[in-house]
Amino acid sequence: MLTKTKKQRVIKEAGTHEKDTGSPEVQVSILTRRIEELAGHLKKHLKDKHSRRGLLAMVANRQKHLRYLKKKNPKRYGALLRKLELKKKA
């Protein structure tokens, strides 16, 4: 689970200004962090189907945000992919 302090740290790193919580970069960063934590949980608990479903929903949500950002501002999209070390699909 993403604690309040971890979430604030992610927002501070990804935000464009001090009170930025809604930009696509921040939302994708938060989702990426949650996905990483849940993936670790699922490696330990292989039969947790409910969490797996939640993980798939988060991945789909992150893809939607990334598609939006790519359409609106390709430079910010590329910078975010490099920053979060996400691979671009061909």
N, C-alpha and C. Protein backbone atom coordinates (compact mmCIF):
# COMPACT_ATOMS: atom_id res chain seq x y z
N MET A 1 0.84 -1.18 0.00
CA MET A 1 0.00 0.00 0.00
C MET A 1 0.88 1.23 0.00
N LEU A 2 0.48 2.22 -0.74
CA LEU A 2 1.22 3.47 -0.85
C LEU A 2 0.86 4.37 0.32
N THR A 3 1.81 4.58 1.23
CA THR A 3 1.54 5.42 2.40
C THR A 3 1.50 6.89 2.00
N LYS A 4 1.01 7.70 2.91
CA LYS A 4 0.86 9.12 2.63
C LYS A 4 2.22 9.78 2.34
N THR A 5 3.23 9.41 3.11
CA THR A 5 4.55 10.02 2.90
C THR A 5 5.17 9.58 1.58
N LYS A 6 5.00 8.29 1.23
CA LYS A 6 5.52 7.82 -0.06
C LYS A 6 4.81 8.53 -1.21
N LYS A 7 3.50 8.70 -1.08
CA LYS A 7 2.73 9.36 -2.12
C LYS A 7 3.16 10.82 -2.27
N GLN A 8 3.38 11.49 -1.15
CA GLN A 8 3.83 12.89 -1.21
C GLN A 8 5.20 12.99 -1.87
N ARG A 9 6.07 12.03 -1.60
CA ARG A 9 7.40 12.03 -2.21
C ARG A 9 7.28 11.85 -3.72
N VAL A 10 6.41 10.95 -4.16
CA VAL A 10 6.21 10.72 -5.59
C VAL A 10 5.64 11.98 -6.24
N ILE A 11 4.70 12.63 -5.58
CA ILE A 11 4.10 13.86 -6.12
C ILE A 11 5.16 14.95 -6.23
N LYS A 12 5.99 15.07 -5.22
CA LYS A 12 7.03 16.10 -5.21
C LYS A 12 8.03 15.88 -6.34
N GLU A 13 8.38 14.62 -6.60
CA GLU A 13 9.34 14.30 -7.66
C GLU A 13 8.75 14.53 -9.06
N ALA A 14 7.47 14.21 -9.24
CA ALA A 14 6.88 14.25 -10.58
C ALA A 14 6.15 15.55 -10.88
N GLY A 15 5.78 16.30 -9.86
CA GLY A 15 4.97 17.50 -10.07
C GLY A 15 5.71 18.61 -10.76
N THR A 16 4.97 19.42 -11.50
CA THR A 16 5.57 20.55 -12.21
C THR A 16 5.69 21.77 -11.30
N HIS A 17 4.85 21.84 -10.27
CA HIS A 17 4.94 22.91 -9.27
C HIS A 17 4.56 22.34 -7.92
N GLU A 18 4.60 23.16 -6.89
CA GLU A 18 4.45 22.68 -5.51
C GLU A 18 3.12 21.99 -5.23
N LYS A 19 2.03 22.52 -5.74
CA LYS A 19 0.71 21.97 -5.44
C LYS A 19 0.14 21.13 -6.58
N ASP A 20 1.00 20.64 -7.43
CA ASP A 20 0.56 19.84 -8.58
C ASP A 20 0.23 18.42 -8.15
N THR A 21 -1.05 18.08 -8.22
CA THR A 21 -1.46 16.71 -7.89
C THR A 21 -2.27 16.07 -9.01
N GLY A 22 -2.66 16.84 -10.01
CA GLY A 22 -3.56 16.30 -11.03
C GLY A 22 -2.98 16.19 -12.41
N SER A 23 -1.74 16.61 -12.61
CA SER A 23 -1.17 16.53 -13.95
C SER A 23 -0.98 15.06 -14.34
N PRO A 24 -0.97 14.78 -15.63
CA PRO A 24 -0.79 13.39 -16.06
C PRO A 24 0.50 12.77 -15.55
N GLU A 25 1.57 13.57 -15.45
CA GLU A 25 2.84 13.04 -14.97
C GLU A 25 2.71 12.53 -13.54
N VAL A 26 2.04 13.29 -12.69
CA VAL A 26 1.87 12.89 -11.29
C VAL A 26 0.99 11.66 -11.21
N GLN A 27 -0.10 11.66 -11.96
CA GLN A 27 -1.02 10.52 -11.90
C GLN A 27 -0.35 9.24 -12.39
N VAL A 28 0.42 9.33 -13.47
CA VAL A 28 1.12 8.15 -13.99
C VAL A 28 2.18 7.69 -13.01
N SER A 29 2.87 8.63 -12.38
CA SER A 29 3.91 8.28 -11.40
C SER A 29 3.31 7.54 -10.21
N ILE A 30 2.19 8.03 -9.72
CA ILE A 30 1.52 7.37 -8.59
C ILE A 30 1.05 5.97 -8.99
N LEU A 31 0.43 5.88 -10.16
CA LEU A 31 -0.03 4.57 -10.62
C LEU A 31 1.14 3.60 -10.80
N THR A 32 2.25 4.10 -11.33
CA THR A 32 3.42 3.23 -11.53
C THR A 32 3.92 2.70 -10.19
N ARG A 33 3.98 3.56 -9.20
CA ARG A 33 4.44 3.14 -7.87
C ARG A 33 3.49 2.09 -7.27
N ARG A 34 2.17 2.34 -7.41
CA ARG A 34 1.19 1.38 -6.89
C ARG A 34 1.29 0.04 -7.63
N ILE A 35 1.50 0.10 -8.94
CA ILE A 35 1.63 -1.12 -9.75
C ILE A 35 2.85 -1.92 -9.30
N GLU A 36 3.97 -1.23 -9.06
CA GLU A 36 5.18 -1.92 -8.60
C GLU A 36 4.95 -2.62 -7.27
N GLU A 37 4.28 -1.93 -6.34
CA GLU A 37 4.04 -2.53 -5.03
C GLU A 37 3.09 -3.71 -5.12
N LEU A 38 2.04 -3.58 -5.93
CA LEU A 38 1.08 -4.67 -6.06
C LEU A 38 1.69 -5.86 -6.80
N ALA A 39 2.57 -5.59 -7.75
CA ALA A 39 3.24 -6.69 -8.46
C ALA A 39 4.11 -7.49 -7.49
N GLY A 40 4.76 -6.79 -6.57
CA GLY A 40 5.54 -7.49 -5.55
C GLY A 40 4.67 -8.35 -4.66
N HIS A 41 3.50 -7.84 -4.31
CA HIS A 41 2.55 -8.60 -3.50
C HIS A 41 2.11 -9.86 -4.24
N LEU A 42 1.84 -9.71 -5.53
CA LEU A 42 1.33 -10.85 -6.30
C LEU A 42 2.40 -11.91 -6.54
N LYS A 43 3.67 -11.53 -6.50
CA LYS A 43 4.73 -12.53 -6.62
C LYS A 43 4.74 -13.45 -5.40
N LYS A 44 4.38 -12.88 -4.26
CA LYS A 44 4.34 -13.66 -3.02
C LYS A 44 3.04 -14.43 -2.88
N HIS A 45 1.93 -13.82 -3.29
CA HIS A 45 0.60 -14.43 -3.15
C HIS A 45 0.04 -14.72 -4.54
N LEU A 46 0.42 -15.85 -5.09
CA LEU A 46 0.10 -16.18 -6.47
C LEU A 46 -1.39 -16.35 -6.74
N LYS A 47 -2.16 -16.77 -5.74
CA LYS A 47 -3.57 -17.07 -5.96
C LYS A 47 -4.49 -15.90 -5.63
N ASP A 48 -3.96 -14.74 -5.40
CA ASP A 48 -4.77 -13.57 -5.05
C ASP A 48 -5.37 -12.97 -6.32
N LYS A 49 -6.47 -13.54 -6.77
CA LYS A 49 -7.09 -13.13 -8.03
C LYS A 49 -7.72 -11.75 -7.96
N HIS A 50 -8.22 -11.35 -6.80
CA HIS A 50 -8.86 -10.04 -6.67
C HIS A 50 -7.84 -8.92 -6.82
N SER A 51 -6.67 -9.10 -6.23
CA SER A 51 -5.62 -8.09 -6.37
C SER A 51 -5.10 -8.06 -7.81
N ARG A 52 -5.05 -9.22 -8.44
CA ARG A 52 -4.60 -9.27 -9.84
C ARG A 52 -5.54 -8.47 -10.74
N ARG A 53 -6.83 -8.56 -10.46
CA ARG A 53 -7.81 -7.80 -11.23
C ARG A 53 -7.61 -6.30 -11.01
N GLY A 54 -7.34 -5.91 -9.78
CA GLY A 54 -7.07 -4.51 -9.49
C GLY A 54 -5.81 -4.03 -10.18
N LEU A 55 -4.81 -4.89 -10.24
CA LEU A 55 -3.57 -4.55 -10.93
C LEU A 55 -3.82 -4.30 -12.41
N LEU A 56 -4.59 -5.15 -13.02
CA LEU A 56 -4.90 -4.98 -14.44
C LEU A 56 -5.67 -3.69 -14.69
N ALA A 57 -6.55 -3.33 -13.78
CA ALA A 57 -7.29 -2.07 -13.91
C ALA A 57 -6.35 -0.87 -13.80
N MET A 58 -5.39 -0.95 -12.87
CA MET A 58 -4.42 0.14 -12.72
C MET A 58 -3.54 0.28 -13.96
N VAL A 59 -3.13 -0.84 -14.53
CA VAL A 59 -2.30 -0.81 -15.73
C VAL A 59 -3.08 -0.17 -16.88
N ALA A 60 -4.34 -0.53 -17.03
CA ALA A 60 -5.18 0.05 -18.07
C ALA A 60 -5.36 1.55 -17.86
N ASN A 61 -5.55 1.95 -16.61
CA ASN A 61 -5.71 3.36 -16.29
C ASN A 61 -4.44 4.13 -16.62
N ARG A 62 -3.28 3.55 -16.30
CA ARG A 62 -2.01 4.21 -16.61
C ARG A 62 -1.84 4.34 -18.12
N GLN A 63 -2.23 3.32 -18.87
CA GLN A 63 -2.13 3.39 -20.33
C GLN A 63 -2.99 4.51 -20.90
N LYS A 64 -4.17 4.69 -20.32
CA LYS A 64 -5.05 5.78 -20.77
C LYS A 64 -4.41 7.13 -20.52
N HIS A 65 -3.84 7.30 -19.34
CA HIS A 65 -3.18 8.57 -19.03
C HIS A 65 -1.98 8.81 -19.96
N LEU A 66 -1.22 7.76 -20.24
CA LEU A 66 -0.07 7.90 -21.13
C LEU A 66 -0.51 8.23 -22.56
N ARG A 67 -1.59 7.60 -23.03
CA ARG A 67 -2.10 7.91 -24.37
C ARG A 67 -2.53 9.37 -24.46
N TYR A 68 -3.21 9.85 -23.41
CA TYR A 68 -3.65 11.24 -23.37
C TYR A 68 -2.44 12.17 -23.44
N LEU A 69 -1.42 11.89 -22.63
CA LEU A 69 -0.24 12.74 -22.58
C LEU A 69 0.50 12.71 -23.91
N LYS A 70 0.58 11.55 -24.55
CA LYS A 70 1.25 11.43 -25.85
C LYS A 70 0.55 12.27 -26.90
N LYS A 71 -0.78 12.28 -26.84
CA LYS A 71 -1.56 13.04 -27.81
C LYS A 71 -1.42 14.55 -27.57
N LYS A 72 -1.43 14.97 -26.30
CA LYS A 72 -1.41 16.39 -25.97
C LYS A 72 -0.02 17.01 -26.02
N ASN A 73 0.99 16.27 -25.53
CA ASN A 73 2.33 16.83 -25.45
C ASN A 73 3.38 15.71 -25.55
N PRO A 74 3.81 15.39 -26.77
CA PRO A 74 4.75 14.28 -26.95
C PRO A 74 6.09 14.46 -26.23
N LYS A 75 6.56 15.70 -26.07
CA LYS A 75 7.83 15.91 -25.37
C LYS A 75 7.72 15.51 -23.90
N ARG A 76 6.65 15.93 -23.25
CA ARG A 76 6.44 15.56 -21.84
C ARG A 76 6.26 14.06 -21.71
N TYR A 77 5.60 13.45 -22.69
CA TYR A 77 5.39 12.01 -22.71
C TYR A 77 6.73 11.27 -22.75
N GLY A 78 7.60 11.67 -23.66
CA GLY A 78 8.91 11.04 -23.77
C GLY A 78 9.74 11.22 -22.52
N ALA A 79 9.70 12.43 -21.95
CA ALA A 79 10.46 12.70 -20.73
C ALA A 79 9.95 11.83 -19.58
N LEU A 80 8.64 11.66 -19.49
CA LEU A 80 8.06 10.85 -18.42
C LEU A 80 8.45 9.38 -18.57
N LEU A 81 8.44 8.87 -19.80
CA LEU A 81 8.84 7.48 -20.03
C LEU A 81 10.28 7.24 -19.60
N ARG A 82 11.15 8.20 -19.94
CA ARG A 82 12.55 8.06 -19.54
C ARG A 82 12.70 8.14 -18.03
N LYS A 83 11.98 9.07 -17.41
CA LYS A 83 12.09 9.27 -15.96
C LYS A 83 11.61 8.04 -15.18
N LEU A 84 10.51 7.46 -15.62
CA LEU A 84 9.94 6.30 -14.92
C LEU A 84 10.50 4.97 -15.42
N GLU A 85 11.37 5.05 -16.43
CA GLU A 85 11.98 3.86 -17.03
C GLU A 85 10.93 2.89 -17.57
N LEU A 86 9.93 3.46 -18.23
CA LEU A 86 8.91 2.65 -18.90
C LEU A 86 9.33 2.52 -20.36
N LYS A 87 9.13 1.36 -20.93
CA LYS A 87 9.54 1.12 -22.31
C LYS A 87 8.42 1.53 -23.25
N LYS A 88 8.81 2.11 -24.34
CA LYS A 88 7.86 2.47 -25.39
C LYS A 88 7.55 1.24 -26.22
N LYS A 89 6.29 1.05 -26.53
CA LYS A 89 5.90 -0.05 -27.41
C LYS A 89 6.02 0.42 -28.84
N ALA A 90 6.49 -0.45 -29.74
CA ALA A 90 6.72 -0.07 -31.12
C ALA A 90 5.46 0.06 -31.91
